[in-house]
Amino acid sequence: KELNATGVHLTSKQFDKIEEAKELGLEVIISTHTHEEVLKAQSLGADAVTYSPIFASPGKGEPKGIDDLKELLKKCNIKVFALAV
């Protein structure tokens, strides 16, 4: 907020910062890697999530795949940015 930013991208370890960022009037995007994390971010008031990895990427864990992404989108009402790598 001090830098006149309008939003923040939080890591998947910063769910506890969502409320504080929203109180500062910031748009909040948070990194997620499971359906549960996406739903938690939604319930805490985040504006959007990144969800990854969709496809295989070295060092990024097991890929989620397109079918998993489709299932996720049926369960949530938050904006999802699917990261391919």
Protein backbone atom coordinates (compact mmCIF):
# COMPACT_ATOMS: atom_id res chain seq x y z
CA LYS A 1 0.00 0.00 0.00
CA GLU A 2 2.91 2.31 0.78
CA LEU A 3 4.11 1.85 -2.81
CA ASN A 4 0.67 2.79 -4.21
CA ALA A 5 0.20 -0.78 -5.44
CA THR A 6 -3.37 -1.83 -6.10
CA GLY A 7 -2.84 -5.50 -5.40
CA VAL A 8 -0.64 -8.23 -4.04
CA HIS A 9 0.27 -11.78 -5.08
CA LEU A 10 0.71 -13.92 -1.97
CA THR A 11 2.52 -17.24 -1.73
CA SER A 12 0.72 -20.44 -0.77
CA LYS A 13 2.12 -19.98 2.75
CA GLN A 14 0.45 -16.57 3.28
CA PHE A 15 -3.25 -17.35 3.69
CA ASP A 16 -3.08 -15.49 7.01
CA LYS A 17 -2.24 -12.27 5.10
CA ILE A 18 -5.39 -12.22 2.94
CA GLU A 19 -7.55 -10.38 5.48
CA GLU A 20 -4.86 -7.78 6.18
CA ALA A 21 -4.35 -7.09 2.48
CA LYS A 22 -8.11 -6.77 1.90
CA GLU A 23 -8.36 -4.32 4.83
CA LEU A 24 -5.74 -2.18 3.06
CA GLY A 25 -7.96 -2.13 -0.03
CA LEU A 26 -5.67 -4.32 -2.11
CA GLU A 27 -6.73 -6.84 -4.72
CA VAL A 28 -5.47 -10.23 -3.56
CA ILE A 29 -4.21 -13.12 -5.66
CA ILE A 30 -2.73 -16.13 -3.88
CA SER A 31 -0.82 -19.16 -5.15
CA THR A 32 -2.60 -22.49 -4.66
CA HIS A 33 -1.83 -26.11 -5.41
CA THR A 34 -4.91 -28.04 -4.20
CA HIS A 35 -8.68 -27.75 -4.48
CA GLU A 36 -8.80 -27.23 -0.72
CA GLU A 37 -6.44 -24.25 -0.94
CA VAL A 38 -8.54 -22.68 -3.70
CA LEU A 39 -11.71 -23.03 -1.62
CA LYS A 40 -9.93 -21.68 1.46
CA ALA A 41 -8.71 -18.63 -0.49
CA GLN A 42 -12.24 -18.07 -1.76
CA SER A 43 -13.69 -18.28 1.76
CA LEU A 44 -11.10 -15.84 3.09
CA GLY A 45 -11.99 -13.22 0.48
CA ALA A 46 -9.18 -13.48 -2.07
CA ASP A 47 -10.04 -12.02 -5.46
CA ALA A 48 -8.26 -14.70 -7.50
CA VAL A 49 -5.86 -17.61 -7.28
CA THR A 50 -3.08 -19.07 -9.33
CA TYR A 51 -3.34 -22.86 -9.57
CA SER A 52 -0.39 -24.97 -10.60
CA PRO A 53 1.21 -26.86 -12.14
CA ILE A 54 -1.23 -27.96 -14.81
CA PHE A 55 1.44 -29.68 -16.93
CA ALA A 56 4.73 -31.35 -15.99
CA SER A 57 7.41 -28.88 -15.00
CA PRO A 58 10.77 -29.74 -13.39
CA GLY A 59 10.74 -29.17 -9.64
CA LYS A 60 7.08 -28.11 -9.51
CA GLY A 61 5.50 -31.32 -8.25
CA GLU A 62 2.97 -33.65 -9.79
CA PRO A 63 1.04 -32.01 -12.64
CA LYS A 64 -2.69 -31.49 -12.03
CA GLY A 65 -3.84 -32.00 -15.60
CA ILE A 66 -6.78 -30.60 -17.54
CA ASP A 67 -9.41 -32.92 -16.01
CA ASP A 68 -8.46 -31.82 -12.48
CA LEU A 69 -8.67 -28.18 -13.55
CA LYS A 70 -12.13 -28.74 -15.02
CA GLU A 71 -13.30 -30.34 -11.75
CA LEU A 72 -11.89 -27.43 -9.75
CA LEU A 73 -13.71 -24.88 -11.87
CA LYS A 74 -17.01 -26.67 -11.17
CA LYS A 75 -16.49 -26.25 -7.39
CA CYS A 76 -15.37 -22.66 -7.04
CA ASN A 77 -16.57 -19.16 -7.84
CA ILE A 78 -13.20 -17.42 -7.66
CA LYS A 79 -11.08 -16.36 -10.64
CA VAL A 80 -8.47 -19.03 -11.41
CA PHE A 81 -5.28 -18.39 -13.33
CA ALA A 82 -4.09 -21.85 -14.35
CA LEU A 83 -0.31 -21.90 -14.64
CA ALA A 84 0.97 -24.36 -17.19
CA VAL A 85 4.41 -24.60 -15.61
